[in-house]
Amino acid sequence: MRLHPGETEAAWRVVKLADVVRRLREEAPAGRPLVVAVDGRGGAGKSTVVERLRRHVPRSGVVHTDDIAWNQAYFDWGGLIAGNVLAPLHRGEAVAFRPPAWAEHGRPGAIRVPAGLDVVWVEGTGILREELAAWIDASIWVQGDLDEQQRRLVARDGDSAEQRRHVAAWLAEELPFLLRERPWERATVVVAGTTGLRHDPAHEIVVGV
């Protein structure tokens, strides 16, 4: 697995998805949902991991930080998500948040999370940061292989000159931000977004030990 500077490859093993959920839910608070941050670099496989885990928690919801960051500086959204998403979740309330950039650029709708869920998965690069630590109950770092991440991003977003400029601008901020925050060191569980270990994705997942 090819990694960025600062990251150390874990020793990997296959475990039950249900066991990972059980480990995360050891941190469950009373009277409100468990807030689980799912972080990883672009293209690492965060959304896929979340979808696999949420099948084991039917009463769960997902917030994507890309929606908070839409038409916002890449990582300058900590205050927005803390005050308008994480704070209501901690009060046991529903979330109905229309980011300012949505109104400014005519994007319809709002970010909504109903009250009464067991778990809310908050997924996105940069969610597992010191600024938001007090709002996060448990966390996952999705460790990705750089070559595979690049392949996934091209498959998802294309390889035009404009897209290459966007990726270069993103990496110019992502690399120093994550090297400073080192989210892989504070995660409750480290999950392999790319792996050669044989496992059943419906029931198993590869984690670092």
Protein backbone atom coordinates (compact mmCIF):
# COMPACT_ATOMS: atom_id res chain seq x y z
CA MET A 1 0.00 0.00 0.00
CA ARG A 2 1.47 3.35 -1.07
CA LEU A 3 0.94 6.03 1.58
CA HIS A 4 1.45 9.75 2.07
CA PRO A 5 4.22 10.96 4.41
CA GLY A 6 3.30 10.65 8.08
CA GLU A 7 1.12 7.55 7.64
CA THR A 8 2.27 4.12 8.80
CA GLU A 9 0.73 1.04 7.26
CA ALA A 10 -1.07 -1.12 9.79
CA ALA A 11 -1.04 -4.88 10.16
CA TRP A 12 -4.41 -5.97 8.82
CA ARG A 13 -6.93 -8.63 9.78
CA VAL A 14 -10.46 -9.57 8.79
CA VAL A 15 -13.19 -9.05 11.40
CA LYS A 16 -16.97 -9.11 11.48
CA LEU A 17 -18.74 -5.87 10.55
CA ALA A 18 -21.00 -6.47 13.53
CA ASP A 19 -17.95 -6.50 15.83
CA VAL A 20 -16.78 -3.12 14.49
CA VAL A 21 -20.25 -1.66 15.06
CA ARG A 22 -20.24 -3.12 18.58
CA ARG A 23 -16.84 -1.54 19.27
CA LEU A 24 -18.00 1.87 18.07
CA ARG A 25 -21.22 1.66 20.08
CA GLU A 26 -19.29 1.12 23.29
CA GLU A 27 -19.07 4.92 23.26
CA ALA A 28 -22.84 5.39 22.89
CA PRO A 29 -24.23 8.27 24.99
CA ALA A 30 -27.64 8.35 26.65
CA GLY A 31 -30.45 10.38 25.18
CA ARG A 32 -28.98 11.15 21.77
CA PRO A 33 -27.42 9.43 18.74
CA LEU A 34 -23.87 8.13 18.74
CA VAL A 35 -21.88 10.46 16.46
CA VAL A 36 -19.27 8.54 14.45
CA ALA A 37 -16.75 10.43 12.29
CA VAL A 38 -15.57 8.58 9.17
CA ASP A 39 -12.46 10.25 7.73
CA GLY A 40 -10.02 9.38 4.97
CA ARG A 41 -8.42 10.92 1.91
CA GLY A 42 -10.38 11.60 -1.26
CA GLY A 43 -11.13 8.31 -2.99
CA ALA A 44 -10.16 6.17 0.00
CA GLY A 45 -13.56 4.47 0.17
CA LYS A 46 -15.30 6.33 3.02
CA SER A 47 -18.79 6.29 1.53
CA THR A 48 -18.53 2.58 0.77
CA VAL A 49 -17.46 1.82 4.35
CA VAL A 50 -20.34 3.89 5.74
CA GLU A 51 -22.92 2.11 3.60
CA ARG A 52 -21.62 -1.28 4.70
CA LEU A 53 -21.73 -0.32 8.37
CA ARG A 54 -25.11 1.40 8.34
CA ARG A 55 -26.79 -1.81 7.15
CA HIS A 56 -25.97 -3.16 10.62
CA VAL A 57 -27.60 -0.13 12.30
CA PRO A 58 -31.01 0.32 10.65
CA ARG A 59 -31.81 3.40 12.76
CA SER A 60 -28.87 5.44 11.49
CA GLY A 61 -28.33 8.44 9.25
CA VAL A 62 -25.45 9.94 7.26
CA VAL A 63 -24.12 13.48 6.97
CA HIS A 64 -21.60 14.18 4.19
CA THR A 65 -19.14 16.98 4.88
CA ASP A 66 -19.00 17.62 1.12
CA ASP A 67 -22.50 19.08 1.53
CA ILE A 68 -21.29 21.42 4.28
CA ALA A 69 -18.21 22.36 2.24
CA TRP A 70 -20.08 22.91 -1.05
CA ASN A 71 -18.86 26.25 -2.47
CA GLN A 72 -16.91 26.73 0.75
CA ALA A 73 -13.14 26.69 1.30
CA TYR A 74 -12.02 23.04 1.32
CA PHE A 75 -11.53 22.69 5.09
CA ASP A 76 -12.94 25.93 6.50
CA TRP A 77 -16.28 24.49 7.63
CA GLY A 78 -15.61 23.30 11.19
CA GLY A 79 -17.73 26.03 12.79
CA LEU A 80 -20.61 25.44 10.37
CA ILE A 81 -20.89 21.73 11.07
CA ALA A 82 -20.33 22.12 14.81
CA GLY A 83 -22.99 24.77 15.36
CA ASN A 84 -25.62 23.59 12.88
CA VAL A 85 -25.28 19.78 12.74
CA LEU A 86 -23.29 18.41 15.67
CA ALA A 87 -24.76 20.68 18.33
CA PRO A 88 -28.39 19.74 17.53
CA LEU A 89 -27.42 16.05 17.47
CA HIS A 90 -25.87 16.42 20.92
CA ARG A 91 -29.14 17.93 22.16
CA GLY A 92 -31.05 14.96 20.75
CA GLU A 93 -32.74 17.21 18.19
CA ALA A 94 -33.41 16.84 14.48
CA VAL A 95 -31.11 18.65 12.05
CA ALA A 96 -32.45 20.95 9.34
CA PHE A 97 -29.58 23.07 8.07
CA ARG A 98 -29.37 25.02 4.84
CA PRO A 99 -25.74 26.16 4.49
CA PRO A 100 -25.31 29.81 3.51
CA ALA A 101 -23.59 28.84 0.24
CA TRP A 102 -26.67 26.83 -0.78
CA ALA A 103 -28.83 29.92 -0.55
CA GLU A 104 -26.22 32.12 -2.24
CA HIS A 105 -25.85 29.75 -5.22
CA GLY A 106 -29.45 28.57 -5.51
CA ARG A 107 -29.00 24.99 -4.37
CA PRO A 108 -32.39 23.72 -3.17
CA GLY A 109 -33.14 21.72 -0.04
CA ALA A 110 -31.31 21.35 3.25
CA ILE A 111 -29.17 18.90 5.22
CA ARG A 112 -31.67 16.93 7.29
CA VAL A 113 -31.24 14.31 10.01
CA PRO A 114 -34.33 13.10 11.92
CA ALA A 115 -34.38 12.89 15.70
CA GLY A 116 -34.40 9.52 17.45
CA LEU A 117 -31.64 7.75 15.51
CA ASP A 118 -29.19 5.36 17.15
CA VAL A 119 -26.13 6.41 15.12
CA VAL A 120 -25.25 9.31 12.84
CA TRP A 121 -22.28 8.68 10.54
CA VAL A 122 -20.51 11.95 9.64
CA GLU A 123 -18.42 11.18 6.59
CA GLY A 124 -15.78 13.28 4.88
CA THR A 125 -12.14 14.26 4.63
CA GLY A 126 -11.26 16.50 7.57
CA ILE A 127 -14.06 15.57 9.98
CA LEU A 128 -11.67 13.89 12.43
CA ARG A 129 -9.87 17.05 13.57
CA GLU A 130 -8.91 18.55 16.92
CA GLU A 131 -11.40 21.41 16.48
CA LEU A 132 -14.32 18.96 16.45
CA ALA A 133 -13.04 16.37 18.92
CA ALA A 134 -15.53 17.31 21.65
CA TRP A 135 -18.44 16.58 19.29
CA ILE A 136 -17.27 13.15 18.09
CA ASP A 137 -18.03 9.99 20.11
CA ALA A 138 -16.18 7.41 18.00
CA SER A 139 -14.29 7.46 14.73
CA ILE A 140 -12.96 5.56 11.73
CA TRP A 141 -9.96 6.36 9.56
CA VAL A 142 -10.23 4.73 6.12
CA GLN A 143 -6.69 4.01 4.99
CA GLY A 144 -6.38 4.12 1.23
CA ASP A 145 -3.68 3.23 -1.28
CA LEU A 146 -2.61 6.33 -3.25
CA ASP A 147 -2.62 4.61 -6.63
CA GLU A 148 -6.06 3.12 -6.06
CA GLN A 149 -7.41 6.44 -4.77
CA GLN A 150 -6.24 8.19 -7.93
CA ARG A 151 -7.89 5.52 -10.10
CA ARG A 152 -11.17 5.89 -8.19
CA LEU A 153 -11.16 9.69 -8.44
CA VAL A 154 -10.58 9.56 -12.19
CA ALA A 155 -13.34 6.97 -12.61
CA ARG A 156 -15.71 9.11 -10.54
CA ASP A 157 -14.86 12.64 -11.68
CA GLY A 158 -13.06 12.26 -15.01
CA ASP A 159 -9.57 13.30 -16.10
CA SER A 160 -10.11 16.63 -17.83
CA ALA A 161 -7.63 19.48 -17.49
CA GLU A 162 -10.11 21.30 -15.26
CA GLN A 163 -10.46 18.24 -13.00
CA ARG A 164 -6.69 17.84 -12.76
CA ARG A 165 -6.42 21.48 -11.65
CA HIS A 166 -9.13 20.87 -9.05
CA VAL A 167 -7.32 17.79 -7.69
CA ALA A 168 -4.02 19.70 -7.52
CA ALA A 169 -5.69 22.54 -5.60
CA TRP A 170 -7.36 20.06 -3.26
CA LEU A 171 -4.11 18.20 -2.54
CA ALA A 172 -2.31 21.48 -1.87
CA GLU A 173 -4.64 21.89 1.13
CA GLU A 174 -5.35 18.26 2.04
CA LEU A 175 -1.74 17.15 2.46
CA PRO A 176 -0.63 19.74 5.05
CA PHE A 177 -4.03 19.69 6.79
CA LEU A 178 -4.01 15.93 7.39
CA LEU A 179 -0.31 15.85 8.23
CA ARG A 180 -1.02 18.44 10.93
CA GLU A 181 -4.17 16.75 12.29
CA ARG A 182 -2.95 13.13 11.89
CA PRO A 183 -6.47 11.66 12.15
CA TRP A 184 -5.22 8.09 11.71
CA GLU A 185 -3.59 8.36 15.13
CA ARG A 186 -6.78 9.32 16.99
CA ALA A 187 -9.27 7.03 15.23
CA THR A 188 -11.18 4.42 17.24
CA VAL A 189 -10.83 1.98 14.32
CA VAL A 190 -8.62 2.03 11.21
CA VAL A 191 -10.22 0.36 8.19
CA ALA A 192 -8.54 -0.67 4.92
CA GLY A 193 -10.19 1.06 1.98
CA THR A 194 -8.02 -1.02 -0.35
CA THR A 195 -7.06 -4.57 0.52
CA GLY A 196 -5.98 -7.85 -0.98
CA LEU A 197 -7.23 -9.89 1.97
CA ARG A 198 -10.12 -12.16 1.06
CA HIS A 199 -13.31 -11.36 2.97
CA ASP A 200 -17.07 -11.20 2.58
CA PRO A 201 -17.91 -7.48 2.19
CA ALA A 202 -21.50 -8.05 3.30
CA HIS A 203 -20.45 -9.33 6.70
CA GLU A 204 -16.71 -8.67 7.14
CA ILE A 205 -14.26 -5.79 6.98
CA VAL A 206 -10.47 -5.42 7.11
CA VAL A 207 -9.14 -3.43 10.08
CA GLY A 208 -5.73 -2.43 11.39
CA VAL A 209 -4.29 -3.95 14.54
